């Protein structure tokens, strides 16, 4: 089995189209088709269901996809490790991050990394913490900055970076501001909530806080970006329970303390593969982050 066959297979699986995959790989479509057929002959199983519009993975193809991605990531890491020993960091840094992650200045960190390692291509992807954990475990990301969603596994380890309490964010004219009381989840039971998609860290923490208090809440205003959340609160359309650092993002809004959070706080972590599988670029970025924090 040749590596190029796996590279071709992954490209077709991701694009779900032979022509687009061939264009991305800079190979002819006939050559790509021949490569896939060779891989199917070797594995003695069809990998794709082909139609005139698109291709989809068979059961065998789905089984191969994760393994192929992991193998290609390990090969890339091997090349980068040798280059690092030779004193030059090359290759790609694939980073995942939640929006406005606490304690990690992502843009500044990447700028510093690029100044130190100009030969490394930087790729950034934003998503929810659960999805980012899956991407790191599968080898599609070198590391991610996220909220802790699970315990460490054989494919995934975590490094704690920062923690902070949750706070209630609302419009200054909201009745909660006039009441002036320290708030509990029970005080917020009848409020209209603005919140993120269920996979995002702040939403996971808030859901856990209310579940621990035995308070049921609904989220009629669901967004996938921080500015959208702040805009809705700024129009007094709802309130949000968010990590404390969000209060600095919109000075016109009011932040109120939340009591009885059962010790639950927003914890920022770095998600990485096992130490032996961590790429040199990921180790360099973590080293830069540690230096910045000292």
Protein backbone atom coordinates (compact mmCIF):
# COMPACT_ATOMS: atom_id res chain seq x y z
CA UNK A 1 0.00 0.00 0.00
CA UNK A 2 1.49 3.31 -1.09
CA UNK A 3 1.11 6.55 0.83
CA UNK A 4 -0.06 8.35 -2.27
CA UNK A 5 -2.97 5.92 -2.51
CA UNK A 6 -4.03 6.88 1.00
CA UNK A 7 -3.57 10.58 0.21
CA UNK A 8 -5.74 10.21 -2.87
CA UNK A 9 -8.37 8.25 -0.97
CA UNK A 10 -8.63 10.86 1.81
CA UNK A 11 -8.93 13.69 -0.72
CA UNK A 12 -11.79 11.99 -2.56
CA UNK A 13 -13.51 11.14 0.72
CA UNK A 14 -13.30 14.77 1.89
CA UNK A 15 -14.35 16.36 -1.40
CA UNK A 16 -16.90 13.64 -2.27
CA UNK A 17 -15.97 14.29 -5.87
CA UNK A 18 -13.19 12.90 -8.09
CA UNK A 19 -12.78 16.03 -10.24
CA UNK A 20 -12.46 18.42 -7.28
CA UNK A 21 -10.08 16.05 -5.48
CA UNK A 22 -7.92 15.74 -8.61
CA UNK A 23 -7.75 19.53 -8.94
CA UNK A 24 -6.73 19.86 -5.29
CA UNK A 25 -4.07 17.17 -5.62
CA UNK A 26 -2.82 18.51 -8.98
CA UNK A 27 -3.18 15.09 -10.63
CA UNK A 28 -5.24 13.92 -13.58
CA UNK A 29 -8.69 12.53 -12.88
CA UNK A 30 -7.80 9.31 -14.70
CA UNK A 31 -4.69 8.92 -12.55
CA UNK A 32 -6.70 9.53 -9.39
CA UNK A 33 -9.32 6.97 -10.41
CA UNK A 34 -6.60 4.43 -11.13
CA UNK A 35 -5.05 5.06 -7.72
CA UNK A 36 -8.37 4.45 -5.96
CA UNK A 37 -9.00 1.27 -7.97
CA UNK A 38 -5.54 -0.01 -7.03
CA UNK A 39 -6.29 0.61 -3.35
CA UNK A 40 -9.66 -1.16 -3.63
CA UNK A 41 -8.00 -4.15 -5.31
CA UNK A 42 -5.40 -4.38 -2.57
CA UNK A 43 -8.01 -4.17 0.18
CA UNK A 44 -10.43 -6.39 -1.74
CA UNK A 45 -13.33 -4.08 -0.97
CA UNK A 46 -15.10 -1.17 -2.67
CA UNK A 47 -14.39 2.11 -0.85
CA UNK A 48 -16.84 4.42 -2.62
CA UNK A 49 -20.34 4.37 -4.03
CA UNK A 50 -20.03 6.31 -7.28
CA UNK A 51 -22.82 8.35 -8.86
CA UNK A 52 -22.81 10.98 -11.60
CA UNK A 53 -23.05 13.79 -9.03
CA UNK A 54 -20.87 12.67 -6.11
CA UNK A 55 -19.21 9.78 -4.36
CA UNK A 56 -19.95 8.51 -0.87
CA UNK A 57 -18.03 6.14 1.37
CA UNK A 58 -18.98 2.50 1.76
CA UNK A 59 -18.79 0.84 5.16
CA UNK A 60 -15.27 -0.29 4.30
CA UNK A 61 -14.39 3.24 3.20
CA UNK A 62 -15.60 4.72 6.47
CA UNK A 63 -13.51 2.21 8.38
CA UNK A 64 -10.42 3.09 6.35
CA UNK A 65 -10.82 6.88 6.49
CA UNK A 66 -9.89 7.41 10.14
CA UNK A 67 -6.96 5.01 9.90
CA UNK A 68 -5.72 6.64 6.70
CA UNK A 69 -5.85 10.10 8.27
CA UNK A 70 -3.97 8.83 11.32
CA UNK A 71 -1.27 7.18 9.20
CA UNK A 72 -0.77 10.30 7.09
CA UNK A 73 -0.56 12.46 10.21
CA UNK A 74 2.08 10.14 11.68
CA UNK A 75 4.12 10.26 8.48
CA UNK A 76 3.94 14.04 8.48
CA UNK A 77 5.05 14.11 12.12
CA UNK A 78 8.01 11.87 11.27
CA UNK A 79 9.17 14.26 8.54
CA UNK A 80 8.76 17.23 10.85
CA UNK A 81 10.64 15.50 13.68
CA UNK A 82 13.65 14.87 11.45
CA UNK A 83 13.58 18.48 10.26
CA UNK A 84 13.42 19.67 13.87
CA UNK A 85 16.50 17.61 14.77
CA UNK A 86 18.28 19.33 11.90
CA UNK A 87 17.42 22.66 13.48
CA UNK A 88 14.68 23.76 11.08
CA UNK A 89 10.98 23.56 11.86
CA UNK A 90 8.96 22.92 8.71
CA UNK A 91 5.63 21.46 7.75
CA UNK A 92 2.21 22.46 8.99
CA UNK A 93 0.70 23.53 12.31
CA UNK A 94 -3.00 22.65 12.35
CA UNK A 95 -4.63 24.39 15.31
CA UNK A 96 -8.21 24.31 16.52
CA UNK A 97 -9.76 26.80 18.93
CA UNK A 98 -13.06 27.91 20.34
CA UNK A 99 -13.95 31.56 19.87
CA UNK A 100 -12.66 33.94 22.55
CA UNK A 101 -11.04 31.16 24.54
CA UNK A 102 -10.11 32.26 28.06
CA UNK A 103 -6.44 32.76 28.88
CA UNK A 104 -5.08 32.17 25.36
CA UNK A 105 -4.44 35.14 23.02
CA UNK A 106 -4.67 32.98 19.90
CA UNK A 107 -3.90 35.66 17.30
CA UNK A 108 -0.90 37.03 19.19
CA UNK A 109 0.37 33.53 19.90
CA UNK A 110 0.24 32.58 16.23
CA UNK A 111 1.92 35.84 15.23
CA UNK A 112 4.79 35.07 17.59
CA UNK A 113 5.00 31.52 16.27
CA UNK A 114 5.20 32.73 12.67
CA UNK A 115 8.04 35.14 13.49
CA UNK A 116 10.02 32.29 15.02
CA UNK A 117 9.11 29.60 12.49
CA UNK A 118 8.39 31.21 9.10
CA UNK A 119 8.74 27.91 7.23
CA UNK A 120 5.75 26.37 9.01
CA UNK A 121 2.33 26.76 7.38
CA UNK A 122 -0.33 27.72 9.94
CA UNK A 123 -3.88 26.42 9.64
CA UNK A 124 -6.60 27.51 12.09
CA UNK A 125 -10.06 26.05 12.55
CA UNK A 126 -12.78 27.24 14.95
CA UNK A 127 -15.34 24.78 16.27
CA UNK A 128 -16.95 23.55 19.48
CA UNK A 129 -14.92 21.75 22.11
CA UNK A 130 -16.41 18.30 21.51
CA UNK A 131 -15.67 18.45 17.80
CA UNK A 132 -12.16 19.78 18.41
CA UNK A 133 -11.43 16.88 20.78
CA UNK A 134 -12.49 14.42 18.06
CA UNK A 135 -10.31 16.19 15.47
CA UNK A 136 -7.19 16.02 17.67
CA UNK A 137 -7.81 12.38 18.61
CA UNK A 138 -8.22 11.50 14.93
CA UNK A 139 -4.97 13.25 13.96
CA UNK A 140 -6.63 15.95 11.87
CA UNK A 141 -5.46 18.69 14.25
CA UNK A 142 -2.07 18.98 15.95
CA UNK A 143 -3.62 20.57 19.02
CA UNK A 144 -6.62 22.64 20.09
CA UNK A 145 -7.50 25.20 22.72
CA UNK A 146 -10.88 24.29 24.14
CA UNK A 147 -13.05 23.58 27.17
CA UNK A 148 -12.66 20.22 28.90
CA UNK A 149 -15.40 17.89 27.68
CA UNK A 150 -13.97 14.48 28.54
CA UNK A 151 -11.28 12.65 30.48
CA UNK A 152 -7.93 11.92 28.85
CA UNK A 153 -7.72 8.81 26.66
CA UNK A 154 -5.05 6.83 24.84
CA UNK A 155 -5.51 9.15 21.83
CA UNK A 156 -6.04 12.44 23.67
CA UNK A 157 -4.36 14.24 26.55
CA UNK A 158 -5.05 17.64 28.06
CA UNK A 159 -3.04 20.42 29.67
CA UNK A 160 -4.93 22.83 31.94
CA UNK A 161 -4.28 26.46 31.01
CA UNK A 162 -6.76 28.73 32.82
CA UNK A 163 -10.00 28.80 34.76
CA UNK A 164 -12.58 31.41 35.63
CA UNK A 165 -16.12 31.62 37.07
CA UNK A 166 -19.27 32.16 35.05
CA UNK A 167 -21.16 35.45 35.19
CA UNK A 168 -24.58 36.74 34.09
CA UNK A 169 -24.41 39.25 31.24
CA UNK A 170 -27.43 41.47 30.58
CA UNK A 171 -28.59 44.87 29.36
CA UNK A 172 -28.17 47.69 31.95
CA UNK A 173 -31.94 48.30 31.86
CA UNK A 174 -32.78 44.68 32.63
CA UNK A 175 -34.78 44.09 35.80
CA UNK A 176 -32.00 41.91 37.24
CA UNK A 177 -29.75 44.98 37.46
CA UNK A 178 -32.37 46.96 39.36
CA UNK A 179 -32.91 44.10 41.83
CA UNK A 180 -29.22 44.24 42.73
CA UNK A 181 -29.22 40.75 44.29
CA UNK A 182 -26.59 38.04 43.96
CA UNK A 183 -28.15 35.67 41.44
CA UNK A 184 -28.67 31.92 41.53
CA UNK A 185 -29.85 29.64 38.72
CA UNK A 186 -33.30 29.59 40.34
CA UNK A 187 -33.52 33.40 39.95
CA UNK A 188 -32.98 33.00 36.20
CA UNK A 189 -35.44 30.18 35.56
CA UNK A 190 -37.96 32.34 33.68
CA UNK A 191 -35.46 34.42 31.70
CA UNK A 192 -34.97 34.42 27.94
CA UNK A 193 -31.49 33.07 27.25
CA UNK A 194 -29.01 33.81 24.51
CA UNK A 195 -26.42 31.06 24.22
CA UNK A 196 -24.06 29.22 21.92
CA UNK A 197 -24.44 25.93 20.08
CA UNK A 198 -24.53 23.00 22.58
CA UNK A 199 -21.00 21.88 21.63
CA UNK A 200 -19.36 25.17 22.64
CA UNK A 201 -17.59 25.34 26.02
CA UNK A 202 -19.58 28.20 27.61
CA UNK A 203 -22.87 26.45 26.73
CA UNK A 204 -21.63 23.18 28.21
CA UNK A 205 -20.67 24.92 31.47
CA UNK A 206 -23.97 26.79 31.73
CA UNK A 207 -25.97 23.64 31.03
CA UNK A 208 -24.01 21.85 33.77
CA UNK A 209 -24.60 24.68 36.27
CA UNK A 210 -28.37 24.69 35.74
CA UNK A 211 -28.59 20.90 35.71
CA UNK A 212 -26.71 20.74 39.03
CA UNK A 213 -29.18 23.26 40.49
CA UNK A 214 -32.16 21.30 39.19
CA UNK A 215 -33.32 24.25 37.08
CA UNK A 216 -34.68 23.66 33.59
CA UNK A 217 -33.97 26.38 31.05
CA UNK A 218 -34.60 26.84 27.35
CA UNK A 219 -32.45 28.71 24.83
CA UNK A 220 -34.65 30.36 22.19
CA UNK A 221 -31.78 32.54 20.91
CA UNK A 222 -28.90 30.31 19.81
CA UNK A 223 -25.83 31.73 18.04
CA UNK A 224 -22.46 30.52 16.79
CA UNK A 225 -20.40 33.65 17.36
CA UNK A 226 -19.59 35.91 20.28
CA UNK A 227 -20.55 39.17 18.60
CA UNK A 228 -23.96 37.80 17.71
CA UNK A 229 -24.52 36.93 21.37
CA UNK A 230 -23.42 40.38 22.54
CA UNK A 231 -25.59 42.13 19.95
CA UNK A 232 -28.73 40.31 21.11
CA UNK A 233 -28.03 41.17 24.74
CA UNK A 234 -27.26 44.76 23.75
CA UNK A 235 -30.79 44.97 22.31
CA UNK A 236 -32.20 43.60 25.60
CA UNK A 237 -33.56 40.51 23.86
CA UNK A 238 -32.18 38.13 26.46
CA UNK A 239 -29.44 37.38 28.98
CA UNK A 240 -26.48 35.02 28.90
CA UNK A 241 -24.36 33.12 31.38
CA UNK A 242 -20.79 33.34 30.10
CA UNK A 243 -17.17 33.13 31.26
CA UNK A 244 -16.21 36.22 33.24
CA UNK A 245 -13.83 37.64 30.63
CA UNK A 246 -16.75 38.20 28.24
CA UNK A 247 -17.77 41.22 30.33
CA UNK A 248 -14.82 43.15 28.90
CA UNK A 249 -15.96 42.66 25.29
CA UNK A 250 -18.94 45.05 25.46
CA UNK A 251 -18.53 47.79 28.07
CA UNK A 252 -22.17 48.91 27.76
CA UNK A 253 -23.46 45.59 29.14
CA UNK A 254 -23.77 44.74 32.81
CA UNK A 255 -22.12 41.74 34.46
CA UNK A 256 -23.70 40.21 37.57
CA UNK A 257 -22.19 37.51 39.80
CA UNK A 258 -23.71 34.04 39.75
CA UNK A 259 -23.94 32.13 43.02
CA UNK A 260 -24.53 28.44 43.64
CA UNK A 261 -22.63 27.33 40.55
CA UNK A 262 -21.64 24.19 42.48
CA UNK A 263 -17.95 24.91 41.98
CA UNK A 264 -18.32 24.69 38.20
CA UNK A 265 -16.05 27.01 36.27
CA UNK A 266 -14.91 27.49 32.73
CA UNK A 267 -11.59 25.64 32.32
CA UNK A 268 -9.45 26.29 29.27
CA UNK A 269 -7.25 23.37 28.22
CA UNK A 270 -4.89 22.46 25.43
CA UNK A 271 -5.89 19.22 23.73
CA UNK A 272 -2.99 17.20 22.34
CA UNK A 273 -2.31 13.69 21.05
CA UNK A 274 -0.11 11.39 23.19
CA UNK A 275 3.37 12.81 23.87
CA UNK A 276 5.07 10.48 21.38
CA UNK A 277 2.62 11.55 18.65
CA UNK A 278 2.75 15.29 19.33
CA UNK A 279 4.23 17.13 16.36
CA UNK A 280 7.30 19.37 16.74
CA UNK A 281 5.19 22.35 15.66
CA UNK A 282 2.65 21.66 18.41
CA UNK A 283 5.43 21.33 20.98
CA UNK A 284 6.93 24.63 19.78
CA UNK A 285 3.57 26.41 20.09
CA UNK A 286 3.03 25.06 23.61
CA UNK A 287 6.53 26.16 24.55
CA UNK A 288 5.80 29.64 23.25
CA UNK A 289 2.56 29.74 25.25
CA UNK A 290 4.37 28.71 28.43
CA UNK A 291 6.99 31.40 27.83
CA UNK A 292 4.30 34.04 27.33
CA UNK A 293 2.66 33.04 30.61
CA UNK A 294 5.79 33.39 32.72
